[in-house]
All heavy atoms as atom14 arrays in JSON, in Angstrom:
{
  "sequence": "INNRLVYHDFFRDPLNWSKTEEAFPGGPLGALRAMCKRTDPVPVTI",
  "atom14_mask": [
    [1, 1, 1, 1, 1, 1, 1, 1, 0, 0, 0, 0, 0, 0],
    [1, 1, 1, 1, 1, 1, 1, 1, 0, 0, 0, 0, 0, 0],
    [1, 1, 1, 1, 1, 1, 1, 1, 0, 0, 0, 0, 0, 0],
    [1, 1, 1, 1, 1, 1, 1, 1, 1, 1, 1, 0, 0, 0],
    [1, 1, 1, 1, 1, 1, 1, 1, 0, 0, 0, 0, 0, 0],
    [1, 1, 1, 1, 1, 1, 1, 0, 0, 0, 0, 0, 0, 0],
    [1, 1, 1, 1, 1, 1, 1, 1, 1, 1, 1, 1, 0, 0],
    [1, 1, 1, 1, 1, 1, 1, 1, 1, 1, 0, 0, 0, 0],
    [1, 1, 1, 1, 1, 1, 1, 1, 0, 0, 0, 0, 0, 0],
    [1, 1, 1, 1, 1, 1, 1, 1, 1, 1, 1, 0, 0, 0],
    [1, 1, 1, 1, 1, 1, 1, 1, 1, 1, 1, 0, 0, 0],
    [1, 1, 1, 1, 1, 1, 1, 1, 1, 1, 1, 0, 0, 0],
    [1, 1, 1, 1, 1, 1, 1, 1, 0, 0, 0, 0, 0, 0],
    [1, 1, 1, 1, 1, 1, 1, 0, 0, 0, 0, 0, 0, 0],
    [1, 1, 1, 1, 1, 1, 1, 1, 0, 0, 0, 0, 0, 0],
    [1, 1, 1, 1, 1, 1, 1, 1, 0, 0, 0, 0, 0, 0],
    [1, 1, 1, 1, 1, 1, 1, 1, 1, 1, 1, 1, 1, 1],
    [1, 1, 1, 1, 1, 1, 0, 0, 0, 0, 0, 0, 0, 0],
    [1, 1, 1, 1, 1, 1, 1, 1, 1, 0, 0, 0, 0, 0],
    [1, 1, 1, 1, 1, 1, 1, 0, 0, 0, 0, 0, 0, 0],
    [1, 1, 1, 1, 1, 1, 1, 1, 1, 0, 0, 0, 0, 0],
    [1, 1, 1, 1, 1, 1, 1, 1, 1, 0, 0, 0, 0, 0],
    [1, 1, 1, 1, 1, 0, 0, 0, 0, 0, 0, 0, 0, 0],
    [1, 1, 1, 1, 1, 1, 1, 1, 1, 1, 1, 0, 0, 0],
    [1, 1, 1, 1, 1, 1, 1, 0, 0, 0, 0, 0, 0, 0],
    [1, 1, 1, 1, 0, 0, 0, 0, 0, 0, 0, 0, 0, 0],
    [1, 1, 1, 1, 0, 0, 0, 0, 0, 0, 0, 0, 0, 0],
    [1, 1, 1, 1, 1, 1, 1, 0, 0, 0, 0, 0, 0, 0],
    [1, 1, 1, 1, 1, 1, 1, 1, 0, 0, 0, 0, 0, 0],
    [1, 1, 1, 1, 0, 0, 0, 0, 0, 0, 0, 0, 0, 0],
    [1, 1, 1, 1, 1, 0, 0, 0, 0, 0, 0, 0, 0, 0],
    [1, 1, 1, 1, 1, 1, 1, 1, 0, 0, 0, 0, 0, 0],
    [1, 1, 1, 1, 1, 1, 1, 1, 1, 1, 1, 0, 0, 0],
    [1, 1, 1, 1, 1, 0, 0, 0, 0, 0, 0, 0, 0, 0],
    [1, 1, 1, 1, 1, 1, 1, 1, 0, 0, 0, 0, 0, 0],
    [1, 1, 1, 1, 1, 1, 0, 0, 0, 0, 0, 0, 0, 0],
    [1, 1, 1, 1, 1, 1, 1, 1, 1, 0, 0, 0, 0, 0],
    [1, 1, 1, 1, 1, 1, 1, 1, 1, 1, 1, 0, 0, 0],
    [1, 1, 1, 1, 1, 1, 1, 0, 0, 0, 0, 0, 0, 0],
    [1, 1, 1, 1, 1, 1, 1, 1, 0, 0, 0, 0, 0, 0],
    [1, 1, 1, 1, 1, 1, 1, 0, 0, 0, 0, 0, 0, 0],
    [1, 1, 1, 1, 1, 1, 1, 0, 0, 0, 0, 0, 0, 0],
    [1, 1, 1, 1, 1, 1, 1, 0, 0, 0, 0, 0, 0, 0],
    [1, 1, 1, 1, 1, 1, 1, 0, 0, 0, 0, 0, 0, 0],
    [1, 1, 1, 1, 1, 1, 1, 0, 0, 0, 0, 0, 0, 0],
    [1, 1, 1, 1, 1, 1, 1, 1, 0, 0, 0, 0, 0, 0]
  ],
  "atom14_positions": [
    [[1.53, -7.56, -19.83], [0.82, -6.72, -18.82], [-0.57, -7.4, -18.69], [-1.08, -7.46, -17.59], [0.7, -5.27, -19.3], [2.14, -4.65, -19.48], [-0.11, -4.42, -18.41], [2.89, -4.65, -18.05], [0.0, 0.0, 0.0], [0.0, 0.0, 0.0], [0.0, 0.0, 0.0], [0.0, 0.0, 0.0], [0.0, 0.0, 0.0], [0.0, 0.0, 0.0]],
    [[-1.12, -7.58, -19.77], [-2.65, -8.12, -19.69], [-2.76, -9.42, -18.94], [-3.65, -9.63, -18.17], [-3.09, -8.41, -21.06], [-3.78, -7.11, -21.65], [-4.43, -6.34, -20.99], [-3.59, -6.88, -22.94], [0.0, 0.0, 0.0], [0.0, 0.0, 0.0], [0.0, 0.0, 0.0], [0.0, 0.0, 0.0], [0.0, 0.0, 0.0], [0.0, 0.0, 0.0]],
    [[-1.66, -10.26, -18.95], [-1.72, -11.53, -18.21], [-1.57, -11.32, -16.68], [-1.96, -12.14, -15.9], [-0.64, -12.38, -18.61], [-0.83, -12.99, -20.05], [-2.04, -13.1, -20.48], [0.27, -13.37, -20.71], [0.0, 0.0, 0.0], [0.0, 0.0, 0.0], [0.0, 0.0, 0.0], [0.0, 0.0, 0.0], [0.0, 0.0, 0.0], [0.0, 0.0, 0.0]],
    [[-1.1, -10.21, -16.25], [-0.93, -9.84, -14.81], [-2.16, -9.18, -14.22], [-2.24, -8.96, -13.02], [0.27, -8.86, -14.7], [1.57, -9.44, -15.18], [2.7, -8.44, -15.02], [3.96, -8.95, -15.77], [5.1, -8.88, -15.26], [5.35, -8.31, -13.93], [6.14, -9.29, -15.94], [0.0, 0.0, 0.0], [0.0, 0.0, 0.0], [0.0, 0.0, 0.0]],
    [[-3.04, -8.71, -15.02], [-4.3, -8.02, -14.53], [-5.37, -8.96, -14.21], [-5.73, -9.9, -14.97], [-4.7, -6.98, -15.57], [-3.71, -6.0, -16.08], [-4.46, -5.01, -17.13], [-3.1, -5.22, -15.07], [0.0, 0.0, 0.0], [0.0, 0.0, 0.0], [0.0, 0.0, 0.0], [0.0, 0.0, 0.0], [0.0, 0.0, 0.0], [0.0, 0.0, 0.0]],
    [[-6.0, -8.77, -12.99], [-7.22, -9.47, -12.61], [-8.34, -8.48, -12.97], [-8.57, -7.53, -12.3], [-7.24, -9.78, -11.18], [-8.44, -10.59, -10.68], [-5.98, -10.71, -10.84], [0.0, 0.0, 0.0], [0.0, 0.0, 0.0], [0.0, 0.0, 0.0], [0.0, 0.0, 0.0], [0.0, 0.0, 0.0], [0.0, 0.0, 0.0], [0.0, 0.0, 0.0]],
    [[-9.12, -8.9, -13.95], [-10.12, -7.95, -14.36], [-11.56, -8.33, -13.95], [-11.96, -9.53, -14.07], [-10.18, -7.93, -15.95], [-10.87, -6.61, -16.44], [-10.12, -5.51, -16.85], [-12.27, -6.57, -16.67], [-10.78, -4.39, -17.24], [-12.83, -5.49, -17.14], [-12.14, -4.34, -17.47], [-12.79, -3.2, -17.93], [0.0, 0.0, 0.0], [0.0, 0.0, 0.0]],
    [[-12.27, -7.39, -13.26], [-13.62, -7.67, -12.8], [-14.55, -6.9, -13.72], [-14.58, -5.69, -13.63], [-13.77, -7.31, -11.35], [-12.78, -7.92, -10.44], [-12.81, -9.25, -9.97], [-11.69, -7.3, -9.89], [-11.75, -9.46, -9.31], [-11.15, -8.36, -9.04], [0.0, 0.0, 0.0], [0.0, 0.0, 0.0], [0.0, 0.0, 0.0], [0.0, 0.0, 0.0]],
    [[-15.24, -7.6, -14.57], [-16.11, -6.89, -15.63], [-17.58, -6.63, -15.11], [-18.36, -7.49, -14.95], [-16.12, -7.92, -16.84], [-16.83, -7.19, -18.06], [-17.29, -5.95, -17.86], [-16.86, -7.79, -19.12], [0.0, 0.0, 0.0], [0.0, 0.0, 0.0], [0.0, 0.0, 0.0], [0.0, 0.0, 0.0], [0.0, 0.0, 0.0], [0.0, 0.0, 0.0]],
    [[-17.81, -5.32, -14.85], [-19.13, -4.97, -14.41], [-19.75, -4.09, -15.49], [-20.68, -3.39, -15.37], [-19.03, -4.08, -13.09], [-18.59, -4.88, -11.94], [-17.26, -4.73, -11.45], [-19.41, -5.85, -11.27], [-16.84, -5.49, -10.49], [-19.0, -6.59, -10.19], [-17.71, -6.38, -9.78], [0.0, 0.0, 0.0], [0.0, 0.0, 0.0], [0.0, 0.0, 0.0]],
    [[-19.13, -4.01, -16.72], [-19.65, -3.23, -17.8], [-20.72, -3.98, -18.48], [-21.77, -3.44, -18.87], [-18.44, -2.88, -18.78], [-18.88, -2.25, -19.94], [-19.17, -0.78, -19.96], [-18.98, -2.95, -21.2], [-19.64, -0.18, -21.14], [-19.35, -2.21, -22.42], [-19.68, -0.87, -22.32], [0.0, 0.0, 0.0], [0.0, 0.0, 0.0], [0.0, 0.0, 0.0]],
    [[-20.53, -5.34, -18.86], [-21.5, -6.06, -19.6], [-22.85, -6.3, -18.86], [-23.97, -6.22, -19.43], [-20.91, -7.38, -20.01], [-19.7, -7.27, -20.87], [-19.24, -8.69, -21.31], [-17.8, -8.62, -21.9], [-17.64, -8.31, -23.2], [-18.68, -8.14, -23.95], [-16.49, -8.29, -23.7], [0.0, 0.0, 0.0], [0.0, 0.0, 0.0], [0.0, 0.0, 0.0]],
    [[-22.67, -6.46, -17.58], [-23.92, -6.96, -16.79], [-23.83, -6.26, -15.37], [-23.69, -6.95, -14.37], [-23.99, -8.4, -16.76], [-25.35, -8.87, -16.01], [-26.16, -8.06, -15.94], [-25.35, -10.01, -15.58], [0.0, 0.0, 0.0], [0.0, 0.0, 0.0], [0.0, 0.0, 0.0], [0.0, 0.0, 0.0], [0.0, 0.0, 0.0], [0.0, 0.0, 0.0]],
    [[-23.91, -4.99, -15.32], [-23.76, -4.27, -14.01], [-24.67, -4.65, -12.89], [-24.25, -4.55, -11.76], [-23.86, -2.76, -14.32], [-24.63, -2.65, -15.62], [-24.2, -4.0, -16.39], [0.0, 0.0, 0.0], [0.0, 0.0, 0.0], [0.0, 0.0, 0.0], [0.0, 0.0, 0.0], [0.0, 0.0, 0.0], [0.0, 0.0, 0.0], [0.0, 0.0, 0.0]],
    [[-25.82, -5.07, -13.29], [-26.83, -5.35, -12.28], [-26.96, -6.91, -12.06], [-27.87, -7.35, -11.34], [-28.3, -4.91, -12.61], [-28.38, -3.29, -12.7], [-29.67, -2.87, -13.21], [-27.89, -2.67, -11.44], [0.0, 0.0, 0.0], [0.0, 0.0, 0.0], [0.0, 0.0, 0.0], [0.0, 0.0, 0.0], [0.0, 0.0, 0.0], [0.0, 0.0, 0.0]],
    [[-26.09, -7.73, -12.73], [-25.97, -9.15, -12.6], [-27.33, -9.84, -12.9], [-27.8, -10.81, -12.34], [-25.55, -9.57, -11.2], [-25.22, -11.06, -11.09], [-24.68, -11.62, -12.06], [-25.34, -11.61, -9.96], [0.0, 0.0, 0.0], [0.0, 0.0, 0.0], [0.0, 0.0, 0.0], [0.0, 0.0, 0.0], [0.0, 0.0, 0.0], [0.0, 0.0, 0.0]],
    [[-27.91, -9.31, -14.05], [-29.12, -9.97, -14.5], [-28.91, -11.41, -14.98], [-29.79, -12.19, -14.96], [-29.8, -9.17, -15.53], [-30.49, -7.83, -15.11], [-30.63, -7.53, -13.83], [-30.86, -6.71, -15.87], [-31.21, -6.22, -13.67], [-31.37, -5.81, -14.88], [-30.93, -6.41, -17.22], [-31.91, -4.62, -15.33], [-31.41, -5.17, -17.64], [-31.93, -4.25, -16.73]],
    [[-27.76, -11.73, -15.47], [-27.46, -12.96, -16.07], [-27.13, -14.0, -15.0], [-27.02, -15.22, -15.28], [-26.43, -12.87, -17.1], [-25.13, -12.46, -16.51], [0.0, 0.0, 0.0], [0.0, 0.0, 0.0], [0.0, 0.0, 0.0], [0.0, 0.0, 0.0], [0.0, 0.0, 0.0], [0.0, 0.0, 0.0], [0.0, 0.0, 0.0], [0.0, 0.0, 0.0]],
    [[-26.95, -13.41, -13.76], [-26.64, -14.38, -12.55], [-25.44, -15.28, -12.87], [-25.42, -16.49, -12.56], [-27.83, -15.32, -12.28], [-29.17, -14.56, -11.99], [-29.09, -13.74, -10.77], [-30.4, -13.02, -10.5], [-30.3, -12.14, -9.26], [0.0, 0.0, 0.0], [0.0, 0.0, 0.0], [0.0, 0.0, 0.0], [0.0, 0.0, 0.0], [0.0, 0.0, 0.0]],
    [[-24.3, -14.65, -13.36], [-23.13, -15.43, -13.63], [-22.46, -15.79, -12.25], [-22.45, -14.98, -11.33], [-22.23, -14.62, -14.51], [-21.99, -13.37, -13.91], [-22.72, -14.43, -15.91], [0.0, 0.0, 0.0], [0.0, 0.0, 0.0], [0.0, 0.0, 0.0], [0.0, 0.0, 0.0], [0.0, 0.0, 0.0], [0.0, 0.0, 0.0], [0.0, 0.0, 0.0]],
    [[-21.74, -16.92, -12.24], [-21.24, -17.43, -11.04], [-20.01, -16.54, -10.59], [-19.71, -16.36, -9.5], [-20.74, -18.8, -11.25], [-21.79, -19.86, -11.39], [-21.32, -21.27, -11.54], [-20.07, -21.43, -11.49], [-22.18, -22.29, -11.67], [0.0, 0.0, 0.0], [0.0, 0.0, 0.0], [0.0, 0.0, 0.0], [0.0, 0.0, 0.0], [0.0, 0.0, 0.0]],
    [[-19.33, -15.92, -11.54], [-18.13, -15.13, -11.28], [-18.51, -13.74, -10.8], [-17.6, -13.06, -10.16], [-17.16, -15.07, -12.39], [-17.71, -14.26, -13.59], [-18.52, -15.16, -14.58], [-18.98, -16.27, -14.18], [-18.74, -14.7, -15.69], [0.0, 0.0, 0.0], [0.0, 0.0, 0.0], [0.0, 0.0, 0.0], [0.0, 0.0, 0.0], [0.0, 0.0, 0.0]],
    [[-19.69, -13.28, -10.81], [-20.09, -12.0, -10.36], [-20.04, -11.92, -8.9], [-20.44, -12.81, -8.07], [-21.48, -11.63, -10.89], [0.0, 0.0, 0.0], [0.0, 0.0, 0.0], [0.0, 0.0, 0.0], [0.0, 0.0, 0.0], [0.0, 0.0, 0.0], [0.0, 0.0, 0.0], [0.0, 0.0, 0.0], [0.0, 0.0, 0.0], [0.0, 0.0, 0.0]],
    [[-19.55, -10.77, -8.38], [-19.53, -10.55, -6.97], [-20.95, -10.2, -6.48], [-21.7, -9.36, -6.99], [-18.59, -9.5, -6.57], [-17.11, -9.84, -6.53], [-16.34, -9.52, -7.63], [-16.62, -10.37, -5.41], [-15.05, -9.91, -7.65], [-15.24, -10.67, -5.32], [-14.47, -10.52, -6.4], [0.0, 0.0, 0.0], [0.0, 0.0, 0.0], [0.0, 0.0, 0.0]],
    [[-21.46, -10.76, -5.35], [-22.67, -10.34, -4.78], [-22.53, -8.86, -4.37], [-21.59, -8.44, -3.79], [-22.84, -11.23, -3.46], [-21.93, -12.41, -3.85], [-20.86, -11.89, -4.55], [0.0, 0.0, 0.0], [0.0, 0.0, 0.0], [0.0, 0.0, 0.0], [0.0, 0.0, 0.0], [0.0, 0.0, 0.0], [0.0, 0.0, 0.0], [0.0, 0.0, 0.0]],
    [[-23.49, -8.09, -4.77], [-23.39, -6.56, -4.48], [-22.72, -5.85, -5.56], [-22.5, -4.61, -5.3], [0.0, 0.0, 0.0], [0.0, 0.0, 0.0], [0.0, 0.0, 0.0], [0.0, 0.0, 0.0], [0.0, 0.0, 0.0], [0.0, 0.0, 0.0], [0.0, 0.0, 0.0], [0.0, 0.0, 0.0], [0.0, 0.0, 0.0], [0.0, 0.0, 0.0]],
    [[-22.32, -6.39, -6.63], [-21.77, -5.63, -7.73], [-20.4, -5.1, -7.37], [-19.57, -5.61, -6.42], [0.0, 0.0, 0.0], [0.0, 0.0, 0.0], [0.0, 0.0, 0.0], [0.0, 0.0, 0.0], [0.0, 0.0, 0.0], [0.0, 0.0, 0.0], [0.0, 0.0, 0.0], [0.0, 0.0, 0.0], [0.0, 0.0, 0.0], [0.0, 0.0, 0.0]],
    [[-20.0, -3.94, -7.92], [-18.64, -3.26, -7.61], [-18.5, -3.02, -6.24], [-17.24, -3.26, -5.62], [-18.74, -2.12, -8.51], [-19.7, -2.26, -9.47], [-20.75, -3.17, -8.92], [0.0, 0.0, 0.0], [0.0, 0.0, 0.0], [0.0, 0.0, 0.0], [0.0, 0.0, 0.0], [0.0, 0.0, 0.0], [0.0, 0.0, 0.0], [0.0, 0.0, 0.0]],
    [[-19.52, -2.58, -5.45], [-19.24, -2.32, -4.06], [-19.02, -3.63, -3.23], [-18.21, -3.66, -2.35], [-20.66, -1.7, -3.46], [-20.43, -0.76, -2.29], [-19.46, 0.37, -2.5], [-21.73, -0.25, -1.81], [0.0, 0.0, 0.0], [0.0, 0.0, 0.0], [0.0, 0.0, 0.0], [0.0, 0.0, 0.0], [0.0, 0.0, 0.0], [0.0, 0.0, 0.0]],
    [[-19.66, -4.75, -3.64], [-19.37, -6.0, -3.03], [-17.99, -6.44, -3.33], [-17.36, -7.04, -2.48], [0.0, 0.0, 0.0], [0.0, 0.0, 0.0], [0.0, 0.0, 0.0], [0.0, 0.0, 0.0], [0.0, 0.0, 0.0], [0.0, 0.0, 0.0], [0.0, 0.0, 0.0], [0.0, 0.0, 0.0], [0.0, 0.0, 0.0], [0.0, 0.0, 0.0]],
    [[-17.43, -6.2, -4.58], [-16.13, -6.58, -4.84], [-15.17, -5.78, -3.99], [-14.16, -6.31, -3.5], [-15.88, -6.25, -6.33], [0.0, 0.0, 0.0], [0.0, 0.0, 0.0], [0.0, 0.0, 0.0], [0.0, 0.0, 0.0], [0.0, 0.0, 0.0], [0.0, 0.0, 0.0], [0.0, 0.0, 0.0], [0.0, 0.0, 0.0], [0.0, 0.0, 0.0]],
    [[-15.35, -4.5, -3.79], [-14.42, -3.73, -2.96], [-14.54, -4.19, -1.48], [-13.56, -4.17, -0.81], [-14.99, -2.17, -2.98], [-14.52, -1.43, -4.27], [-15.12, -0.03, -4.34], [-12.98, -1.25, -4.24], [0.0, 0.0, 0.0], [0.0, 0.0, 0.0], [0.0, 0.0, 0.0], [0.0, 0.0, 0.0], [0.0, 0.0, 0.0], [0.0, 0.0, 0.0]],
    [[-15.7, -4.58, -0.98], [-15.82, -5.06, 0.33], [-15.15, -6.36, 0.56], [-14.5, -6.59, 1.6], [-17.34, -5.2, 0.73], [-18.1, -3.79, 1.02], [-19.47, -4.09, 1.21], [-20.06, -2.79, 1.72], [-21.33, -2.44, 1.44], [-22.07, -3.2, 0.59], [-21.79, -1.23, 1.94], [0.0, 0.0, 0.0], [0.0, 0.0, 0.0], [0.0, 0.0, 0.0]],
    [[-15.14, -7.24, -0.58], [-14.36, -8.44, -0.56], [-12.93, -8.19, -0.28], [-12.18, -8.95, 0.29], [-14.67, -9.32, -1.7], [0.0, 0.0, 0.0], [0.0, 0.0, 0.0], [0.0, 0.0, 0.0], [0.0, 0.0, 0.0], [0.0, 0.0, 0.0], [0.0, 0.0, 0.0], [0.0, 0.0, 0.0], [0.0, 0.0, 0.0], [0.0, 0.0, 0.0]],
    [[-12.42, -7.08, -1.07], [-11.06, -6.89, -0.94], [-10.56, -6.31, 0.36], [-9.33, -6.28, 0.66], [-10.69, -5.86, -2.15], [-10.81, -6.42, -3.42], [-10.49, -5.35, -4.85], [-11.04, -6.22, -6.17], [0.0, 0.0, 0.0], [0.0, 0.0, 0.0], [0.0, 0.0, 0.0], [0.0, 0.0, 0.0], [0.0, 0.0, 0.0], [0.0, 0.0, 0.0]],
    [[-11.49, -5.9, 1.2], [-11.21, -5.45, 2.57], [-10.72, -6.64, 3.42], [-10.16, -6.36, 4.5], [-12.4, -4.75, 3.15], [-12.82, -3.21, 2.43], [0.0, 0.0, 0.0], [0.0, 0.0, 0.0], [0.0, 0.0, 0.0], [0.0, 0.0, 0.0], [0.0, 0.0, 0.0], [0.0, 0.0, 0.0], [0.0, 0.0, 0.0], [0.0, 0.0, 0.0]],
    [[-11.01, -7.9, 3.0], [-10.76, -9.0, 3.91], [-9.48, -9.73, 3.51], [-9.27, -10.76, 4.08], [-11.97, -9.94, 3.73], [-13.27, -9.35, 4.19], [-14.51, -10.29, 3.93], [-15.83, -9.75, 4.22], [-16.87, -10.68, 4.02], [0.0, 0.0, 0.0], [0.0, 0.0, 0.0], [0.0, 0.0, 0.0], [0.0, 0.0, 0.0], [0.0, 0.0, 0.0]],
    [[-8.77, -9.1, 2.64], [-7.46, -9.68, 2.17], [-6.49, -9.77, 3.28], [-6.39, -8.88, 4.13], [-6.96, -9.08, 0.97], [-6.7, -7.57, 1.09], [-6.09, -6.89, -0.12], [-4.81, -7.38, -0.35], [-3.67, -6.74, 0.09], [-3.77, -5.73, 0.85], [-2.5, -7.29, -0.15], [0.0, 0.0, 0.0], [0.0, 0.0, 0.0], [0.0, 0.0, 0.0]],
    [[-5.64, -10.74, 3.3], [-4.52, -10.91, 4.24], [-3.15, -11.05, 3.58], [-2.18, -11.43, 4.22], [-4.8, -12.06, 5.26], [-4.89, -13.22, 4.46], [-6.06, -11.8, 6.1], [0.0, 0.0, 0.0], [0.0, 0.0, 0.0], [0.0, 0.0, 0.0], [0.0, 0.0, 0.0], [0.0, 0.0, 0.0], [0.0, 0.0, 0.0], [0.0, 0.0, 0.0]],
    [[-3.15, -10.93, 2.32], [-1.97, -11.15, 1.46], [-0.93, -10.04, 1.65], [-1.24, -8.87, 1.68], [-2.33, -11.18, 0.02], [-1.29, -11.84, -0.87], [-0.06, -11.67, -0.65], [-1.69, -12.61, -1.71], [0.0, 0.0, 0.0], [0.0, 0.0, 0.0], [0.0, 0.0, 0.0], [0.0, 0.0, 0.0], [0.0, 0.0, 0.0], [0.0, 0.0, 0.0]],
    [[0.36, -10.41, 1.97], [1.44, -9.38, 2.1], [1.86, -8.67, 0.85], [2.59, -7.7, 0.96], [2.59, -10.22, 2.81], [2.39, -11.62, 2.21], [0.89, -11.73, 2.2], [0.0, 0.0, 0.0], [0.0, 0.0, 0.0], [0.0, 0.0, 0.0], [0.0, 0.0, 0.0], [0.0, 0.0, 0.0], [0.0, 0.0, 0.0], [0.0, 0.0, 0.0]],
    [[1.41, -9.29, -0.28], [1.9, -8.58, -1.6], [1.12, -7.22, -1.77], [-0.16, -7.24, -1.53], [1.61, -9.52, -2.72], [1.9, -8.92, -4.07], [2.32, -10.8, -2.57], [0.0, 0.0, 0.0], [0.0, 0.0, 0.0], [0.0, 0.0, 0.0], [0.0, 0.0, 0.0], [0.0, 0.0, 0.0], [0.0, 0.0, 0.0], [0.0, 0.0, 0.0]],
    [[1.84, -6.18, -2.16], [1.22, -5.0, -2.43], [0.1, -5.05, -3.45], [0.24, -5.89, -4.49], [2.27, -3.93, -2.93], [3.51, -4.58, -2.38], [3.3, -6.11, -2.29], [0.0, 0.0, 0.0], [0.0, 0.0, 0.0], [0.0, 0.0, 0.0], [0.0, 0.0, 0.0], [0.0, 0.0, 0.0], [0.0, 0.0, 0.0], [0.0, 0.0, 0.0]],
    [[-0.98, -4.32, -3.43], [-2.13, -4.47, -4.26], [-2.48, -3.05, -4.82], [-2.47, -2.06, -4.11], [-3.34, -5.03, -3.52], [-4.63, -4.98, -4.43], [-3.18, -6.48, -3.19], [0.0, 0.0, 0.0], [0.0, 0.0, 0.0], [0.0, 0.0, 0.0], [0.0, 0.0, 0.0], [0.0, 0.0, 0.0], [0.0, 0.0, 0.0], [0.0, 0.0, 0.0]],
    [[-2.73, -3.02, -6.13], [-3.34, -1.84, -6.7], [-4.77, -2.14, -7.28], [-4.86, -3.25, -7.97], [-2.44, -1.37, -7.78], [-1.2, -0.93, -7.41], [-2.99, -0.2, -8.64], [0.0, 0.0, 0.0], [0.0, 0.0, 0.0], [0.0, 0.0, 0.0], [0.0, 0.0, 0.0], [0.0, 0.0, 0.0], [0.0, 0.0, 0.0], [0.0, 0.0, 0.0]],
    [[-5.64, -1.32, -6.9], [-7.08, -1.48, -7.35], [-7.4, -0.33, -8.17], [-7.46, 0.78, -7.73], [-8.06, -1.66, -6.12], [-7.69, -2.84, -5.2], [-9.5, -1.81, -6.62], [-8.38, -2.81, -4.0], [0.0, 0.0, 0.0], [0.0, 0.0, 0.0], [0.0, 0.0, 0.0], [0.0, 0.0, 0.0], [0.0, 0.0, 0.0], [0.0, 0.0, 0.0]]
  ]
}
């Protein structure tokens, strides 16, 4: 199960103070907005 999950960690650094490359611009809201642009036919659970 764990190998199938795509985890976006906003717990350790919610404001992106560390400026990590994997962080979404705009934090969790930015991540949600990025998911609005998907075109994949596979069902998705968020």
